[in-house]
Protein backbone atom coordinates (compact mmCIF):
# COMPACT_ATOMS: atom_id res chain seq x y z
CA MET A 1 0.04 -0.08 -0.15
CA GLN A 2 1.64 3.20 -0.97
CA SER A 3 0.30 5.16 2.21
CA ASP A 4 2.12 2.52 4.34
CA GLN A 5 5.29 3.38 2.16
CA HIS A 6 4.89 7.08 2.65
CA LEU A 7 4.25 6.76 6.42
CA THR A 8 7.61 4.53 6.73
CA GLU A 9 9.67 7.19 4.78
CA PHE A 10 8.29 9.70 6.81
CA MET A 11 9.28 7.85 10.14
CA VAL A 12 12.67 7.00 9.13
CA HIS A 13 13.00 10.83 7.81
CA ALA A 14 12.13 11.84 11.03
CA PHE A 15 13.83 9.67 13.36
CA SER A 16 17.19 9.38 11.23
CA GLN A 17 17.71 12.80 11.82
CA PRO A 18 18.52 14.95 15.28
CA ARG A 19 16.35 17.71 14.32
CA ARG A 20 12.86 18.67 15.24
CA VAL A 21 10.04 16.96 14.36
CA ALA A 22 6.74 18.87 14.17
CA GLY A 23 8.25 21.25 16.47
CA GLN A 24 8.96 18.99 19.39
CA ALA A 25 12.69 18.04 20.06
CA GLY A 26 13.82 15.05 22.09
CA VAL A 27 10.46 12.85 21.80
CA ALA A 28 11.51 9.16 21.88
CA VAL A 29 10.44 6.88 19.09
CA SER A 30 8.27 4.83 21.49
CA SER A 31 6.09 8.43 22.16
CA TYR A 32 5.71 8.59 18.41
CA ALA A 33 4.62 5.10 17.96
CA VAL A 34 1.77 5.31 20.87
CA PHE A 35 0.47 8.86 19.42
CA TRP A 36 0.30 7.40 15.89
CA SER A 37 -1.28 4.32 17.37
CA VAL A 38 -3.74 6.43 18.95
CA ALA A 39 -4.23 9.00 15.83
CA ARG A 40 -5.03 5.81 13.41
CA LYS A 41 -7.65 4.50 16.01
CA GLU A 42 -9.16 6.49 18.79
CA GLY A 43 -10.74 5.18 21.79
CA ARG A 44 -8.23 1.88 22.18
CA THR A 45 -7.14 1.21 25.30
CA GLN A 46 -3.46 1.13 26.29
CA VAL A 47 -3.37 -2.96 26.37
CA GLU A 48 -4.26 -2.57 22.94
CA ILE A 49 -1.90 -0.04 21.82
CA ALA A 50 0.56 -2.06 23.57
CA GLU A 51 -0.20 -4.99 21.24
CA GLU A 52 -0.34 -3.26 18.08
CA THR A 53 3.14 -1.39 18.88
CA GLY A 54 4.89 -4.25 20.52
CA LEU A 55 5.99 -1.92 23.16
CA SER A 56 5.37 -3.43 26.98
CA ALA A 57 2.23 -2.30 28.95
CA LYS A 58 4.67 -0.56 31.30
CA THR A 59 6.27 1.40 28.53
CA VAL A 60 2.82 2.26 27.06
CA SER A 61 1.90 3.44 30.41
CA ARG A 62 4.63 5.70 31.05
CA VAL A 63 4.48 7.08 27.34
CA VAL A 64 0.74 7.81 27.79
CA SER A 65 1.69 9.87 30.61
CA HIS A 66 4.41 11.68 29.29
CA LEU A 67 1.87 12.72 26.03
CA GLY A 68 -1.24 13.03 28.21
CA GLY A 69 -1.86 16.36 30.22
CA MET A 70 -1.08 15.37 33.45
CA ARG A 71 2.23 16.72 35.36
CA ASN A 72 4.07 18.17 32.70
CA GLY A 73 2.82 16.36 29.91
CA LEU A 74 2.89 17.04 26.28
CA GLY A 75 -1.16 17.27 25.91
CA TRP A 76 -1.46 15.22 22.67
CA ILE A 77 -3.61 12.75 24.00
CA ARG A 78 -6.38 12.42 26.48
CA GLN A 79 -7.76 9.38 28.83
CA VAL A 80 -11.51 8.77 28.92
CA ALA A 81 -12.88 6.19 31.32
CA ASP A 82 -14.48 3.38 29.53
CA GLU A 83 -18.45 3.37 30.12
CA ASP A 84 -18.31 -0.30 30.99
CA ASP A 85 -15.49 -0.42 33.26
CA ARG A 86 -14.37 3.03 34.87
CA ARG A 87 -10.53 1.41 35.70
CA ARG A 88 -10.12 1.08 32.01
CA ARG A 89 -9.07 4.37 30.14
CA ARG A 90 -10.05 4.89 26.19
CA LEU A 91 -7.35 7.12 24.73
CA PHE A 92 -8.11 9.91 22.18
CA LEU A 93 -5.94 12.69 20.69
CA SER A 94 -6.60 15.92 22.40
CA ALA A 95 -7.28 19.35 20.41
CA ARG A 96 -3.30 19.93 20.54
CA GLY A 97 -2.42 16.01 19.42
CA LYS A 98 -5.04 16.50 16.55
CA SER A 99 -3.07 19.68 15.45
CA LEU A 100 0.14 18.18 15.74
CA HIS A 101 -1.29 14.98 13.75
CA ALA A 102 -2.33 17.53 10.75
CA ARG A 103 1.04 19.16 10.90
CA MET A 104 2.68 15.63 10.55
CA LEU A 105 0.37 14.68 7.83
CA LYS A 106 1.18 17.76 6.02
CA ASP A 107 4.92 17.01 6.23
CA LEU A 108 4.31 13.33 5.04
CA LYS A 109 2.40 14.28 2.18
CA LYS A 110 5.67 17.07 1.46
CA ILE A 111 8.20 14.46 1.92
CA ALA A 112 6.21 11.96 -0.28
CA SER A 113 6.27 14.55 -3.00
CA GLU A 114 10.18 14.70 -2.90
CA PRO A 115 12.00 12.71 -5.46
CA ALA A 116 13.38 9.52 -4.16
CA LYS A 117 17.26 9.77 -3.19
CA SER A 118 19.68 7.02 -4.43
């Protein structure tokens, strides 16, 4: 699928260079993996995100805290208690996260339109 190829190119470009990605310096690859997983399908749980990304549940929990709005978090995602089980949290992009996602998609389109390097 062409969009998967573009996403892969974007990620390789983004993480192979020590520069800012979408205005955020020093964000770990695991943070972007969780962010993109949430953006791809909002409303999933941390366990589901861990299964998709291959990250441990502990890592996802730590990343969610970092990406969320709690204690100096980036404010990219928000957690909502599940209606059926209040202990379970569902993950969604925040307004700030949606804005960042739109900028990243714009960057992705720009990268995809650049001629391939040999």
